[in-house]
Amino acid sequence: MNRTAFPFSVLLVALAATAFAEARAESRAPAVQLRAESFYDAWIKDRLSIGLGLSHSTLTDAKRPKDVENRRTFVGYIWKLEDVEQVGIIPEVRFRAADYVRLVLSQDRVVGRTRNYNQQKHSDGDINVWGPQILVEGLYPLCDDTVFLHAGLGLAYEFTDFNEDKWWKLGYSSRDSWLYYGGTNKARQGYYREIHVDDGFAWTLSAGASWRPNPRLELDLSLRHTWFNPDCQFGYNYGSRKGFDKHQDGDFDFDHLSVALTASYVF
């Protein structure tokens, strides 16, 4: 090879390698940026929404025969649950997993007041039921996808809490009797009456409609029917001497309808 041409050949090879390396680096930079944008466009934009809803629940099957002898009541003399009028605020997250399928994470809540058929139909207390709820809903779009109907199936895990009326927990025969003795905090016979209600799973069916008046706002009206039948135990609590002594098993019907109006921000 000509010695004069050799340095020029090396220089040309070096320049070609440098140009190739710079072109490769430039091609990589926008690729990373494109991948980040495509993830948001593919999985977040127009799919994820977060909002708050106004919800009201009503018990649908809250009465049993007045037959304590054959244990056909819920437990003891409790034969009926009454709705406690309460409108609540619930959070809700929705994710549109496919064109016609979405996942909904919400909250369920209902309150029932116990009623006895003996002793002037008094109440032993209120039962609170609440818990997280997840649903899979199918979508039927209308009006260029700004309005769509939906229906689905869900599962909730319900927590329970029995808030006993004070006079009943302390062992008095009625509220008037408790007040007659001065409305004391002392148990009448050295023990406390209690009802323990179990937590558990509940099935839900849902139906409703959603409307997007603009790309970032979604309004949803939904109707949900939930089936929940928790077991319970009635007994006496003797405190540190003995603890809870179960006297009778039972169960409650907390099937209920919930209506919710939700406003959500669409990402």
C-alpha atoms as a PDB file:
ATOM      1  CA  MET A   1       0.000   0.000   0.000  1.00  0.00           C
ATOM      2  CA  ASN A   2       1.145   3.512  -0.721  1.00  0.00           C
ATOM      3  CA  ARG A   3       2.537   4.977   2.511  1.00  0.00           C
ATOM      4  CA  THR A   4       1.047   8.367   1.712  1.00  0.00           C
ATOM      5  CA  ALA A   5      -2.445   6.897   1.205  1.00  0.00           C
ATOM      6  CA  PHE A   6      -2.320   4.783   4.408  1.00  0.00           C
ATOM      7  CA  PRO A   7      -2.934   7.666   6.892  1.00  0.00           C
ATOM      8  CA  PHE A   8      -5.842   8.891   4.799  1.00  0.00           C
ATOM      9  CA  SER A   9      -7.334   5.407   4.796  1.00  0.00           C
ATOM     10  CA  VAL A  10      -7.074   5.200   8.577  1.00  0.00           C
ATOM     11  CA  LEU A  11      -8.634   8.664   8.900  1.00  0.00           C
ATOM     12  CA  LEU A  12     -11.532   7.723   6.641  1.00  0.00           C
ATOM     13  CA  VAL A  13     -12.188   4.539   8.644  1.00  0.00           C
ATOM     14  CA  ALA A  14     -12.091   6.497  11.925  1.00  0.00           C
ATOM     15  CA  LEU A  15     -14.475   9.147  10.599  1.00  0.00           C
ATOM     16  CA  ALA A  16     -16.857   6.473   9.318  1.00  0.00           C
ATOM     17  CA  ALA A  17     -16.812   4.675  12.710  1.00  0.00           C
ATOM     18  CA  THR A  18     -17.453   7.943  14.577  1.00  0.00           C
ATOM     19  CA  ALA A  19     -20.352   8.861  12.310  1.00  0.00           C
ATOM     20  CA  PHE A  20     -21.838   5.391  12.752  1.00  0.00           C
ATOM     21  CA  ALA A  21     -21.547   5.633  16.543  1.00  0.00           C
ATOM     22  CA  GLU A  22     -23.180   9.080  16.637  1.00  0.00           C
ATOM     23  CA  ALA A  23     -26.021   7.963  14.378  1.00  0.00           C
ATOM     24  CA  ARG A  24     -26.610   4.920  16.565  1.00  0.00           C
ATOM     25  CA  ALA A  25     -26.683   7.029  19.750  1.00  0.00           C
ATOM     26  CA  GLU A  26     -29.155   9.451  18.189  1.00  0.00           C
ATOM     27  CA  SER A  27     -31.402   6.583  17.113  1.00  0.00           C
ATOM     28  CA  ARG A  28     -31.432   5.174  20.670  1.00  0.00           C
ATOM     29  CA  ALA A  29     -32.425   8.432  22.453  1.00  0.00           C
ATOM     30  CA  PRO A  30     -35.807   8.954  20.818  1.00  0.00           C
ATOM     31  CA  ALA A  31     -36.556   5.215  21.159  1.00  0.00           C
ATOM     32  CA  VAL A  32     -36.503   5.449  24.969  1.00  0.00           C
ATOM     33  CA  GLN A  33     -38.725   8.502  24.854  1.00  0.00           C
ATOM     34  CA  LEU A  34     -41.150   6.798  22.490  1.00  0.00           C
ATOM     35  CA  ARG A  35     -41.384   3.747  24.770  1.00  0.00           C
ATOM     36  CA  ALA A  36     -42.309   5.963  27.763  1.00  0.00           C
ATOM     37  CA  GLU A  37     -44.969   7.800  25.767  1.00  0.00           C
ATOM     38  CA  SER A  38     -46.408   4.610  24.342  1.00  0.00           C
ATOM     39  CA  PHE A  39     -46.820   3.090  27.843  1.00  0.00           C
ATOM     40  CA  TYR A  40     -48.879   6.094  28.991  1.00  0.00           C
ATOM     41  CA  ASP A  41     -50.895   6.126  25.785  1.00  0.00           C
ATOM     42  CA  ALA A  42     -51.462   2.376  25.879  1.00  0.00           C
ATOM     43  CA  TRP A  43     -52.252   1.806  29.601  1.00  0.00           C
ATOM     44  CA  ILE A  44     -53.120   5.098  31.303  1.00  0.00           C
ATOM     45  CA  LYS A  45     -54.596   7.633  28.898  1.00  0.00           C
ATOM     46  CA  ASP A  46     -58.400   7.336  28.575  1.00  0.00           C
ATOM     47  CA  ARG A  47     -58.279   4.074  30.600  1.00  0.00           C
ATOM     48  CA  LEU A  48     -57.682   5.035  34.239  1.00  0.00           C
ATOM     49  CA  SER A  49     -60.155   7.180  36.193  1.00  0.00           C
ATOM     50  CA  ILE A  50     -60.415   8.099  39.885  1.00  0.00           C
ATOM     51  CA  GLY A  51     -63.461   9.648  41.533  1.00  0.00           C
ATOM     52  CA  LEU A  52     -65.893   9.997  44.429  1.00  0.00           C
ATOM     53  CA  GLY A  53     -69.481   8.828  44.570  1.00  0.00           C
ATOM     54  CA  LEU A  54     -72.639   9.496  46.551  1.00  0.00           C
ATOM     55  CA  SER A  55     -74.099   6.125  47.606  1.00  0.00           C
ATOM     56  CA  HIS A  56     -77.268   4.909  49.339  1.00  0.00           C
ATOM     57  CA  SER A  57     -77.998   1.279  50.335  1.00  0.00           C
ATOM     58  CA  THR A  58     -81.285  -0.462  51.186  1.00  0.00           C
ATOM     59  CA  LEU A  59     -81.764  -3.917  52.753  1.00  0.00           C
ATOM     60  CA  THR A  60     -83.859  -6.261  50.592  1.00  0.00           C
ATOM     61  CA  ASP A  61     -84.427  -9.419  52.690  1.00  0.00           C
ATOM     62  CA  ALA A  62     -84.372  -8.354  56.334  1.00  0.00           C
ATOM     63  CA  LYS A  63     -87.265 -10.169  58.016  1.00  0.00           C
ATOM     64  CA  ARG A  64     -87.845 -13.667  59.402  1.00  0.00           C
ATOM     65  CA  PRO A  65     -90.701 -15.482  61.221  1.00  0.00           C
ATOM     66  CA  LYS A  66     -91.382 -14.619  64.878  1.00  0.00           C
ATOM     67  CA  ASP A  67     -90.421 -18.103  66.032  1.00  0.00           C
ATOM     68  CA  VAL A  68     -87.627 -18.197  68.592  1.00  0.00           C
ATOM     69  CA  GLU A  69     -88.583 -21.708  69.797  1.00  0.00           C
ATOM     70  CA  ASN A  70     -87.611 -23.275  66.464  1.00  0.00           C
ATOM     71  CA  ARG A  71     -84.758 -20.792  65.941  1.00  0.00           C
ATOM     72  CA  ARG A  72     -86.265 -19.328  62.792  1.00  0.00           C
ATOM     73  CA  THR A  73     -85.310 -15.789  63.814  1.00  0.00           C
ATOM     74  CA  PHE A  74     -81.899 -14.287  63.076  1.00  0.00           C
ATOM     75  CA  VAL A  75     -80.723 -14.912  66.634  1.00  0.00           C
ATOM     76  CA  GLY A  76     -82.699 -14.846  69.896  1.00  0.00           C
ATOM     77  CA  TYR A  77     -85.752 -12.605  69.529  1.00  0.00           C
ATOM     78  CA  ILE A  78     -84.231 -10.534  66.689  1.00  0.00           C
ATOM     79  CA  TRP A  79     -86.523 -11.106  63.709  1.00  0.00           C
ATOM     80  CA  LYS A  80     -86.073  -7.956  61.629  1.00  0.00           C
ATOM     81  CA  LEU A  81     -83.428  -5.479  60.438  1.00  0.00           C
ATOM     82  CA  GLU A  82     -84.404  -1.919  59.632  1.00  0.00           C
ATOM     83  CA  ASP A  83     -82.554   0.423  57.285  1.00  0.00           C
ATOM     84  CA  VAL A  84     -80.605   3.201  58.939  1.00  0.00           C
ATOM     85  CA  GLU A  85     -80.964   6.164  56.590  1.00  0.00           C
ATOM     86  CA  GLN A  86     -77.425   7.093  55.689  1.00  0.00           C
ATOM     87  CA  VAL A  87     -75.969   8.474  52.472  1.00  0.00           C
ATOM     88  CA  GLY A  88     -72.223   7.965  52.246  1.00  0.00           C
ATOM     89  CA  ILE A  89     -69.267   9.121  50.154  1.00  0.00           C
ATOM     90  CA  ILE A  90     -67.368   6.277  48.479  1.00  0.00           C
ATOM     91  CA  PRO A  91     -64.055   6.333  46.552  1.00  0.00           C
ATOM     92  CA  GLU A  92     -63.922   4.589  43.187  1.00  0.00           C
ATOM     93  CA  VAL A  93     -61.129   3.636  40.762  1.00  0.00           C
ATOM     94  CA  ARG A  94     -61.843   2.341  37.254  1.00  0.00           C
ATOM     95  CA  PHE A  95     -59.461   0.804  34.729  1.00  0.00           C
ATOM     96  CA  ARG A  96     -60.547   0.075  31.168  1.00  0.00           C
ATOM     97  CA  ALA A  97     -58.620  -3.125  30.490  1.00  0.00           C
ATOM     98  CA  ALA A  98     -59.990  -3.566  26.951  1.00  0.00           C
ATOM     99  CA  ASP A  99     -62.345  -1.815  24.553  1.00  0.00           C
ATOM    100  CA  TYR A 100     -65.407  -3.403  26.145  1.00  0.00           C
ATOM    101  CA  VAL A 101     -64.160  -4.493  29.598  1.00  0.00           C
ATOM    102  CA  ARG A 102     -63.269  -2.478  32.706  1.00  0.00           C
ATOM    103  CA  LEU A 103     -62.264  -3.204  36.304  1.00  0.00           C
ATOM    104  CA  VAL A 104     -63.842  -1.226  39.155  1.00  0.00           C
ATOM    105  CA  LEU A 105     -62.505  -0.926  42.702  1.00  0.00           C
ATOM    106  CA  SER A 106     -65.118   0.540  45.028  1.00  0.00           C
ATOM    107  CA  GLN A 107     -66.483   0.402  48.581  1.00  0.00           C
ATOM    108  CA  ASP A 108     -69.649  -1.230  49.906  1.00  0.00           C
ATOM    109  CA  ARG A 109     -71.542  -0.153  53.039  1.00  0.00           C
ATOM    110  CA  VAL A 110     -74.897  -0.814  54.706  1.00  0.00           C
ATOM    111  CA  VAL A 111     -76.261  -0.372  58.255  1.00  0.00           C
ATOM    112  CA  GLY A 112     -79.129  -2.329  59.820  1.00  0.00           C
ATOM    113  CA  ARG A 113     -80.889  -1.732  63.141  1.00  0.00           C
ATOM    114  CA  THR A 114     -82.040  -4.884  64.934  1.00  0.00           C
ATOM    115  CA  ARG A 115     -85.651  -5.275  66.055  1.00  0.00           C
ATOM    116  CA  ASN A 116     -87.023  -7.801  68.579  1.00  0.00           C
ATOM    117  CA  TYR A 117     -90.637  -8.976  68.590  1.00  0.00           C
ATOM    118  CA  ASN A 118     -90.800  -9.275  72.400  1.00  0.00           C
ATOM    119  CA  GLN A 119     -90.605  -6.547  75.044  1.00  0.00           C
ATOM    120  CA  GLN A 120     -92.172  -3.702  73.035  1.00  0.00           C
ATOM    121  CA  LYS A 121     -90.148  -4.459  69.896  1.00  0.00           C
ATOM    122  CA  HIS A 122     -86.967  -2.927  71.245  1.00  0.00           C
ATOM    123  CA  SER A 123     -83.574  -2.901  69.496  1.00  0.00           C
ATOM    124  CA  ASP A 124     -80.384  -4.480  70.792  1.00  0.00           C
ATOM    125  CA  GLY A 125     -78.247  -2.215  68.560  1.00  0.00           C
ATOM    126  CA  ASP A 126     -76.993  -1.501  65.034  1.00  0.00           C
ATOM    127  CA  ILE A 127     -74.923  -3.715  62.734  1.00  0.00           C
ATOM    128  CA  ASN A 128     -72.465  -1.937  60.449  1.00  0.00           C
ATOM    129  CA  VAL A 129     -71.255  -3.721  57.310  1.00  0.00           C
ATOM    130  CA  TRP A 130     -68.547  -2.257  55.063  1.00  0.00           C
ATOM    131  CA  GLY A 131     -65.654  -3.369  52.874  1.00  0.00           C
ATOM    132  CA  PRO A 132     -63.733  -3.131  49.581  1.00  0.00           C
ATOM    133  CA  GLN A 133     -65.434  -4.320  46.412  1.00  0.00           C
ATOM    134  CA  ILE A 134     -63.963  -5.244  43.016  1.00  0.00           C
ATOM    135  CA  LEU A 135     -66.062  -5.712  39.873  1.00  0.00           C
ATOM    136  CA  VAL A 136     -65.493  -6.826  36.283  1.00  0.00           C
ATOM    137  CA  GLU A 137     -67.906  -5.006  33.971  1.00  0.00           C
ATOM    138  CA  GLY A 138     -68.737  -5.377  30.302  1.00  0.00           C
ATOM    139  CA  LEU A 139     -69.305  -2.170  28.302  1.00  0.00           C
ATOM    140  CA  TYR A 140     -71.728  -1.414  25.482  1.00  0.00           C
ATOM    141  CA  PRO A 141     -70.707   1.915  23.868  1.00  0.00           C
ATOM    142  CA  LEU A 142     -73.198   4.411  22.476  1.00  0.00           C
ATOM    143  CA  CYS A 143     -72.839   7.853  20.856  1.00  0.00           C
ATOM    144  CA  ASP A 144     -69.243   7.521  19.651  1.00  0.00           C
ATOM    145  CA  ASP A 145     -68.067   6.050  22.948  1.00  0.00           C
ATOM    146  CA  THR A 146     -69.102   9.067  25.057  1.00  0.00           C
ATOM    147  CA  VAL A 147     -72.078   7.179  26.532  1.00  0.00           C
ATOM    148  CA  PHE A 148     -72.024   3.482  27.374  1.00  0.00           C
ATOM    149  CA  LEU A 149     -74.059   0.962  29.325  1.00  0.00           C
ATOM    150  CA  HIS A 150     -72.365  -1.502  31.668  1.00  0.00           C
ATOM    151  CA  ALA A 151     -73.127  -4.687  33.598  1.00  0.00           C
ATOM    152  CA  GLY A 152     -70.863  -6.867  35.689  1.00  0.00           C
ATOM    153  CA  LEU A 153     -70.068  -9.275  38.481  1.00  0.00           C
ATOM    154  CA  GLY A 154     -68.109  -8.455  41.627  1.00  0.00           C
ATOM    155  CA  LEU A 155     -66.770  -9.732  44.924  1.00  0.00           C
ATOM    156  CA  ALA A 156     -66.573  -7.832  48.214  1.00  0.00           C
ATOM    157  CA  TYR A 157     -64.970  -8.615  51.547  1.00  0.00           C
ATOM    158  CA  GLU A 158     -67.301  -7.308  54.239  1.00  0.00           C
ATOM    159  CA  PHE A 159     -66.210  -6.253  57.717  1.00  0.00           C
ATOM    160  CA  THR A 160     -68.864  -6.181  60.442  1.00  0.00           C
ATOM    161  CA  ASP A 161     -69.335  -4.392  63.748  1.00  0.00           C
ATOM    162  CA  PHE A 162     -72.246  -4.761  66.193  1.00  0.00           C
ATOM    163  CA  ASN A 163     -72.820  -1.550  68.137  1.00  0.00           C
ATOM    164  CA  GLU A 164     -74.920  -2.643  71.102  1.00  0.00           C
ATOM    165  CA  ASP A 165     -77.336  -0.253  72.785  1.00  0.00           C
ATOM    166  CA  LYS A 166     -75.868   0.433  76.189  1.00  0.00           C
ATOM    167  CA  TRP A 167     -78.823  -0.721  78.302  1.00  0.00           C
ATOM    168  CA  TRP A 168     -78.965  -4.051  76.439  1.00  0.00           C
ATOM    169  CA  LYS A 169     -75.234  -4.677  76.728  1.00  0.00           C
ATOM    170  CA  LEU A 170     -75.377  -4.030  80.497  1.00  0.00           C
ATOM    171  CA  GLY A 171     -78.094  -6.657  80.987  1.00  0.00           C
ATOM    172  CA  TYR A 172     -81.221  -4.558  81.633  1.00  0.00           C
ATOM    173  CA  SER A 173     -84.658  -5.583  80.403  1.00  0.00           C
ATOM    174  CA  SER A 174     -85.371  -2.228  78.716  1.00  0.00           C
ATOM    175  CA  ARG A 175     -84.069   1.282  78.294  1.00  0.00           C
ATOM    176  CA  ASP A 176     -86.601   2.542  80.844  1.00  0.00           C
ATOM    177  CA  SER A 177     -85.335   0.029  83.396  1.00  0.00           C
ATOM    178  CA  TRP A 178     -81.748   1.152  82.802  1.00  0.00           C
ATOM    179  CA  LEU A 179     -82.728   4.804  83.225  1.00  0.00           C
ATOM    180  CA  TYR A 180     -84.659   3.927  86.392  1.00  0.00           C
ATOM    181  CA  TYR A 181     -81.386   2.684  87.903  1.00  0.00           C
ATOM    182  CA  GLY A 182     -79.661   5.952  86.990  1.00  0.00           C
ATOM    183  CA  GLY A 183     -78.284   5.097  83.534  1.00  0.00           C
ATOM    184  CA  THR A 184     -75.297   3.413  85.161  1.00  0.00           C
ATOM    185  CA  ASN A 185     -72.226   1.982  83.382  1.00  0.00           C
ATOM    186  CA  LYS A 186     -72.235  -1.058  85.658  1.00  0.00           C
ATOM    187  CA  ALA A 187     -73.458  -4.428  84.387  1.00  0.00           C
ATOM    188  CA  ARG A 188     -76.617  -5.426  86.239  1.00  0.00           C
ATOM    189  CA  GLN A 189     -75.673  -9.057  86.912  1.00  0.00           C
ATOM    190  CA  GLY A 190     -71.901  -8.958  86.535  1.00  0.00           C
ATOM    191  CA  TYR A 191     -71.734  -9.823  82.829  1.00  0.00           C
ATOM    192  CA  TYR A 192     -72.244  -8.112  79.448  1.00  0.00           C
ATOM    193  CA  ARG A 193     -74.514  -9.302  76.659  1.00  0.00           C
ATOM    194  CA  GLU A 194     -72.793  -9.395  73.251  1.00  0.00           C
ATOM    195  CA  ILE A 195     -73.451 -10.435  69.651  1.00  0.00           C
ATOM    196  CA  HIS A 196     -70.416 -11.212  67.489  1.00  0.00           C
ATOM    197  CA  VAL A 197     -71.009 -11.011  63.716  1.00  0.00           C
ATOM    198  CA  ASP A 198     -68.498 -12.697  61.364  1.00  0.00           C
ATOM    199  CA  ASP A 199     -66.677 -10.969  58.502  1.00  0.00           C
ATOM    200  CA  GLY A 200     -66.851 -12.628  55.079  1.00  0.00           C
ATOM    201  CA  PHE A 201     -67.117 -12.507  51.286  1.00  0.00           C
ATOM    202  CA  ALA A 202     -70.151 -11.250  49.343  1.00  0.00           C
ATOM    203  CA  TRP A 203     -71.184 -11.511  45.681  1.00  0.00           C
ATOM    204  CA  THR A 204     -72.377  -8.482  43.718  1.00  0.00           C
ATOM    205  CA  LEU A 205     -74.193  -7.915  40.418  1.00  0.00           C
ATOM    206  CA  SER A 206     -74.037  -4.448  38.864  1.00  0.00           C
ATOM    207  CA  ALA A 207     -75.664  -2.465  36.058  1.00  0.00           C
ATOM    208  CA  GLY A 208     -75.667   1.164  35.020  1.00  0.00           C
ATOM    209  CA  ALA A 209     -74.589   3.825  32.555  1.00  0.00           C
ATOM    210  CA  SER A 210     -71.634   6.204  32.148  1.00  0.00           C
ATOM    211  CA  TRP A 211     -71.304   9.493  30.288  1.00  0.00           C
ATOM    212  CA  ARG A 212     -68.185  11.484  29.348  1.00  0.00           C
ATOM    213  CA  PRO A 213     -69.274  15.085  28.672  1.00  0.00           C
ATOM    214  CA  ASN A 214     -65.628  15.884  27.980  1.00  0.00           C
ATOM    215  CA  PRO A 215     -62.446  13.773  27.670  1.00  0.00           C
ATOM    216  CA  ARG A 216     -61.425  14.298  31.321  1.00  0.00           C
ATOM    217  CA  LEU A 217     -64.778  13.954  33.145  1.00  0.00           C
ATOM    218  CA  GLU A 218     -66.893  10.828  33.550  1.00  0.00           C
ATOM    219  CA  LEU A 219     -70.287  10.665  35.296  1.00  0.00           C
ATOM    220  CA  ASP A 220     -71.581   7.235  36.298  1.00  0.00           C
ATOM    221  CA  LEU A 221     -74.911   5.996  37.654  1.00  0.00           C
ATOM    222  CA  SER A 222     -74.818   2.424  38.962  1.00  0.00           C
ATOM    223  CA  LEU A 223     -77.137  -0.049  40.674  1.00  0.00           C
ATOM    224  CA  ARG A 224     -75.574  -2.953  42.616  1.00  0.00           C
ATOM    225  CA  HIS A 225     -77.172  -5.911  44.369  1.00  0.00           C
ATOM    226  CA  THR A 226     -75.008  -7.591  47.012  1.00  0.00           C
ATOM    227  CA  TRP A 227     -75.646 -10.929  48.750  1.00  0.00           C
ATOM    228  CA  PHE A 228     -74.173 -11.251  52.258  1.00  0.00           C
ATOM    229  CA  ASN A 229     -75.243 -13.758  54.937  1.00  0.00           C
ATOM    230  CA  PRO A 230     -72.835 -13.590  57.910  1.00  0.00           C
ATOM    231  CA  ASP A 231     -72.945 -15.990  60.856  1.00  0.00           C
ATOM    232  CA  CYS A 232     -73.198 -14.621  64.388  1.00  0.00           C
ATOM    233  CA  GLN A 233     -72.886 -15.746  68.011  1.00  0.00           C
ATOM    234  CA  PHE A 234     -74.883 -14.466  70.994  1.00  0.00           C
ATOM    235  CA  GLY A 235     -73.448 -14.856  74.471  1.00  0.00           C
ATOM    236  CA  TYR A 236     -72.293 -13.344  77.732  1.00  0.00           C
ATOM    237  CA  ASN A 237     -68.967 -11.710  78.492  1.00  0.00           C
ATOM    238  CA  TYR A 238     -67.790 -12.245  82.066  1.00  0.00           C
ATOM    239  CA  GLY A 239     -64.663 -10.146  81.612  1.00  0.00           C
ATOM    240  CA  SER A 240     -61.361 -11.380  83.053  1.00  0.00           C
ATOM    241  CA  ARG A 241     -63.050 -14.146  85.011  1.00  0.00           C
ATOM    242  CA  LYS A 242     -64.183 -16.203  82.021  1.00  0.00           C
ATOM    243  CA  GLY A 243     -64.346 -14.156  78.840  1.00  0.00           C
ATOM    244  CA  PHE A 244     -67.028 -14.664  76.190  1.00  0.00           C
ATOM    245  CA  ASP A 245     -69.418 -17.579  76.807  1.00  0.00           C
ATOM    246  CA  LYS A 246     -71.371 -18.398  73.629  1.00  0.00           C
ATOM    247  CA  HIS A 247     -75.047 -19.104  74.273  1.00  0.00           C
ATOM    248  CA  GLN A 248     -76.532 -19.370  70.752  1.00  0.00           C
ATOM    249  CA  ASP A 249     -75.504 -19.394  67.065  1.00  0.00           C
ATOM    250  CA  GLY A 250     -77.395 -17.489  64.383  1.00  0.00           C
ATOM    251  CA  ASP A 251     -76.975 -15.532  61.151  1.00  0.00           C
ATOM    252  CA  PHE A 252     -78.155 -12.316  59.494  1.00  0.00           C
ATOM    253  CA  ASP A 253     -79.437 -11.526  55.991  1.00  0.00           C
ATOM    254  CA  PHE A 254     -77.666  -8.441  54.714  1.00  0.00           C
ATOM    255  CA  ASP A 255     -78.669  -8.649  51.046  1.00  0.00           C
ATOM    256  CA  HIS A 256     -78.944  -5.064  49.836  1.00  0.00           C
ATOM    257  CA  LEU A 257     -79.324  -2.745  46.856  1.00  0.00           C
ATOM    258  CA  SER A 258     -76.941   0.187  46.443  1.00  0.00           C
ATOM    259  CA  VAL A 259     -77.404   3.176  44.142  1.00  0.00           C
ATOM    260  CA  ALA A 260     -74.383   5.406  43.478  1.00  0.00           C
ATOM    261  CA  LEU A 261     -73.741   8.549  41.444  1.00  0.00           C
ATOM    262  CA  THR A 262     -70.019   9.036  40.810  1.00  0.00           C
ATOM    263  CA  ALA A 263     -67.922  11.793  39.233  1.00  0.00           C
ATOM    264  CA  SER A 264     -64.417  10.763  38.108  1.00  0.00           C
ATOM    265  CA  TYR A 265     -61.327  12.354  36.553  1.00  0.00           C
ATOM    266  CA  VAL A 266     -60.133  10.508  33.454  1.00  0.00           C
ATOM    267  CA  PHE A 267     -56.368  10.496  32.917  1.00  0.00           C
END
